[in-house]
Amino acid sequence: MSAFTHPPQFAATPSVVPDTDTRTIPAHDPMWNVVVLNDDVNLMSSVVHIFRQVFGYSTERARRHMLEVHQLGRSIVWTGGREAAEHYVHLLQQWHLRVQLEAHV
């Protein structure tokens, strides 16, 4: 006979179900606008090119935003989550555009 014995088998522990739902509901992440401001340095054709490169906009859409910047002094070129908005601000600043981040109202 073998001296080896099997460990005792225990019944599975029953799962505990709370009386109330304790899951955390994340707060709604606010939206942010990426705003390009007018300047006297960049050519209009360059701004259209930058919008096409950074956002993948069509020539028509990029031109529309460029004209808003030129005529109104500013254009909201993108709206979304803060992390992505900060990324776009950084990219546009690398192209030497005047840009700011503002809370979407």
C-alpha atoms as a PDB file:
ATOM      1  CA  MET A   1       0.000   0.000   0.000  1.00  0.00           C
ATOM      2  CA  SER A   2       1.137   3.463  -0.807  1.00  0.00           C
ATOM      3  CA  ALA A   3       1.858   6.066   1.839  1.00  0.00           C
ATOM      4  CA  PHE A   4       0.627   8.776  -0.545  1.00  0.00           C
ATOM      5  CA  THR A   5      -2.851  10.051   0.193  1.00  0.00           C
ATOM      6  CA  HIS A   6      -4.914  12.477  -1.819  1.00  0.00           C
ATOM      7  CA  PRO A   7      -5.673  15.891  -0.310  1.00  0.00           C
ATOM      8  CA  PRO A   8      -9.211  16.267   0.964  1.00  0.00           C
ATOM      9  CA  GLN A   9     -11.686  17.734  -1.502  1.00  0.00           C
ATOM     10  CA  PHE A  10     -13.447  20.911  -0.398  1.00  0.00           C
ATOM     11  CA  ALA A  11     -16.706  22.244  -1.718  1.00  0.00           C
ATOM     12  CA  ALA A  12     -16.351  25.333  -3.881  1.00  0.00           C
ATOM     13  CA  THR A  13     -16.848  28.571  -1.994  1.00  0.00           C
ATOM     14  CA  PRO A  14     -20.215  30.058  -2.917  1.00  0.00           C
ATOM     15  CA  SER A  15     -20.007  33.422  -4.652  1.00  0.00           C
ATOM     16  CA  VAL A  16     -21.175  36.436  -2.720  1.00  0.00           C
ATOM     17  CA  VAL A  17     -23.619  38.745  -4.465  1.00  0.00           C
ATOM     18  CA  PRO A  18     -23.858  42.250  -2.998  1.00  0.00           C
ATOM     19  CA  ASP A  19     -27.279  43.726  -2.295  1.00  0.00           C
ATOM     20  CA  THR A  20     -26.457  46.874  -4.257  1.00  0.00           C
ATOM     21  CA  ASP A  21     -24.521  47.567  -7.425  1.00  0.00           C
ATOM     22  CA  THR A  22     -21.055  48.727  -6.334  1.00  0.00           C
ATOM     23  CA  ARG A  23     -19.537  49.226  -9.776  1.00  0.00           C
ATOM     24  CA  THR A  24     -17.872  52.550 -10.357  1.00  0.00           C
ATOM     25  CA  ILE A  25     -19.421  54.624 -13.099  1.00  0.00           C
ATOM     26  CA  PRO A  26     -16.750  56.823 -14.698  1.00  0.00           C
ATOM     27  CA  ALA A  27     -17.505  60.524 -14.962  1.00  0.00           C
ATOM     28  CA  HIS A  28     -18.099  61.781 -18.478  1.00  0.00           C
ATOM     29  CA  ASP A  29     -14.789  62.936 -19.925  1.00  0.00           C
ATOM     30  CA  PRO A  30     -15.298  66.537 -21.014  1.00  0.00           C
ATOM     31  CA  MET A  31     -14.640  67.475 -24.619  1.00  0.00           C
ATOM     32  CA  TRP A  32     -11.901  69.890 -25.711  1.00  0.00           C
ATOM     33  CA  ASN A  33     -11.569  72.132 -28.767  1.00  0.00           C
ATOM     34  CA  VAL A  34      -8.362  72.578 -30.712  1.00  0.00           C
ATOM     35  CA  VAL A  35      -8.473  76.175 -31.929  1.00  0.00           C
ATOM     36  CA  VAL A  36      -6.142  77.579 -34.587  1.00  0.00           C
ATOM     37  CA  LEU A  37      -5.594  81.345 -34.387  1.00  0.00           C
ATOM     38  CA  ASN A  38      -4.729  83.756 -37.178  1.00  0.00           C
ATOM     39  CA  ASP A  39      -1.132  84.847 -37.647  1.00  0.00           C
ATOM     40  CA  ASP A  40       0.805  86.956 -40.111  1.00  0.00           C
ATOM     41  CA  VAL A  41       3.475  84.332 -40.756  1.00  0.00           C
ATOM     42  CA  ASN A  42       1.943  81.263 -42.418  1.00  0.00           C
ATOM     43  CA  LEU A  43       0.748  81.278 -46.003  1.00  0.00           C
ATOM     44  CA  MET A  44      -2.866  80.250 -46.555  1.00  0.00           C
ATOM     45  CA  SER A  45      -1.767  77.400 -48.840  1.00  0.00           C
ATOM     46  CA  SER A  46       0.560  76.141 -46.094  1.00  0.00           C
ATOM     47  CA  VAL A  47      -2.239  76.119 -43.532  1.00  0.00           C
ATOM     48  CA  VAL A  48      -4.431  74.073 -45.904  1.00  0.00           C
ATOM     49  CA  HIS A  49      -1.546  71.632 -46.376  1.00  0.00           C
ATOM     50  CA  ILE A  50      -1.006  71.349 -42.593  1.00  0.00           C
ATOM     51  CA  PHE A  51      -4.698  70.621 -41.921  1.00  0.00           C
ATOM     52  CA  ARG A  52      -4.648  67.928 -44.598  1.00  0.00           C
ATOM     53  CA  GLN A  53      -1.487  66.357 -43.143  1.00  0.00           C
ATOM     54  CA  VAL A  54      -2.417  66.498 -39.459  1.00  0.00           C
ATOM     55  CA  PHE A  55      -6.156  65.703 -39.616  1.00  0.00           C
ATOM     56  CA  GLY A  56      -6.457  63.992 -42.987  1.00  0.00           C
ATOM     57  CA  TYR A  57      -9.026  66.595 -44.072  1.00  0.00           C
ATOM     58  CA  SER A  58     -10.090  66.932 -47.680  1.00  0.00           C
ATOM     59  CA  THR A  59      -8.791  69.996 -49.505  1.00  0.00           C
ATOM     60  CA  GLU A  60     -12.270  71.548 -49.308  1.00  0.00           C
ATOM     61  CA  ARG A  61     -12.599  71.067 -45.548  1.00  0.00           C
ATOM     62  CA  ALA A  62      -9.026  72.214 -44.881  1.00  0.00           C
ATOM     63  CA  ARG A  63      -9.628  75.305 -47.003  1.00  0.00           C
ATOM     64  CA  ARG A  64     -12.865  76.083 -45.149  1.00  0.00           C
ATOM     65  CA  HIS A  65     -11.028  76.001 -41.786  1.00  0.00           C
ATOM     66  CA  MET A  66      -8.186  78.093 -43.191  1.00  0.00           C
ATOM     67  CA  LEU A  67     -10.657  80.731 -44.393  1.00  0.00           C
ATOM     68  CA  GLU A  68     -12.307  80.814 -40.950  1.00  0.00           C
ATOM     69  CA  VAL A  69      -8.909  81.440 -39.402  1.00  0.00           C
ATOM     70  CA  HIS A  70      -8.121  84.143 -41.969  1.00  0.00           C
ATOM     71  CA  GLN A  71     -11.491  85.909 -41.879  1.00  0.00           C
ATOM     72  CA  LEU A  72     -12.673  85.346 -38.288  1.00  0.00           C
ATOM     73  CA  GLY A  73      -9.313  85.083 -36.553  1.00  0.00           C
ATOM     74  CA  ARG A  74      -9.869  81.532 -35.332  1.00  0.00           C
ATOM     75  CA  SER A  75     -11.303  78.144 -36.226  1.00  0.00           C
ATOM     76  CA  ILE A  76     -12.157  75.104 -34.128  1.00  0.00           C
ATOM     77  CA  VAL A  77     -10.396  72.454 -36.181  1.00  0.00           C
ATOM     78  CA  TRP A  78     -11.012  69.446 -33.925  1.00  0.00           C
ATOM     79  CA  THR A  79     -13.082  68.500 -30.850  1.00  0.00           C
ATOM     80  CA  GLY A  80     -12.611  65.432 -28.665  1.00  0.00           C
ATOM     81  CA  GLY A  81     -10.945  63.998 -25.577  1.00  0.00           C
ATOM     82  CA  ARG A  82      -8.232  65.925 -23.775  1.00  0.00           C
ATOM     83  CA  GLU A  83      -5.324  63.584 -24.471  1.00  0.00           C
ATOM     84  CA  ALA A  84      -5.932  63.541 -28.233  1.00  0.00           C
ATOM     85  CA  ALA A  85      -6.585  67.303 -28.239  1.00  0.00           C
ATOM     86  CA  GLU A  86      -3.250  67.940 -26.512  1.00  0.00           C
ATOM     87  CA  HIS A  87      -1.579  65.726 -29.094  1.00  0.00           C
ATOM     88  CA  TYR A  88      -3.086  67.769 -31.953  1.00  0.00           C
ATOM     89  CA  VAL A  89      -2.061  71.039 -30.274  1.00  0.00           C
ATOM     90  CA  HIS A  90       1.493  69.747 -30.065  1.00  0.00           C
ATOM     91  CA  LEU A  91       1.516  68.649 -33.720  1.00  0.00           C
ATOM     92  CA  LEU A  92       0.147  71.982 -34.936  1.00  0.00           C
ATOM     93  CA  GLN A  93       2.675  73.896 -32.833  1.00  0.00           C
ATOM     94  CA  GLN A  94       5.442  71.908 -34.506  1.00  0.00           C
ATOM     95  CA  TRP A  95       4.170  73.356 -37.811  1.00  0.00           C
ATOM     96  CA  HIS A  96       4.473  76.830 -36.181  1.00  0.00           C
ATOM     97  CA  LEU A  97       0.751  77.533 -36.079  1.00  0.00           C
ATOM     98  CA  ARG A  98      -0.772  79.573 -33.263  1.00  0.00           C
ATOM     99  CA  VAL A  99      -3.054  77.122 -31.514  1.00  0.00           C
ATOM    100  CA  GLN A 100      -4.835  76.810 -28.201  1.00  0.00           C
ATOM    101  CA  LEU A 101      -6.832  74.259 -26.275  1.00  0.00           C
ATOM    102  CA  GLU A 102     -10.156  75.248 -24.768  1.00  0.00           C
ATOM    103  CA  ALA A 103     -12.973  73.426 -22.992  1.00  0.00           C
ATOM    104  CA  HIS A 104     -15.893  72.583 -25.280  1.00  0.00           C
ATOM    105  CA  VAL A 105     -19.044  74.204 -23.965  1.00  0.00           C
END
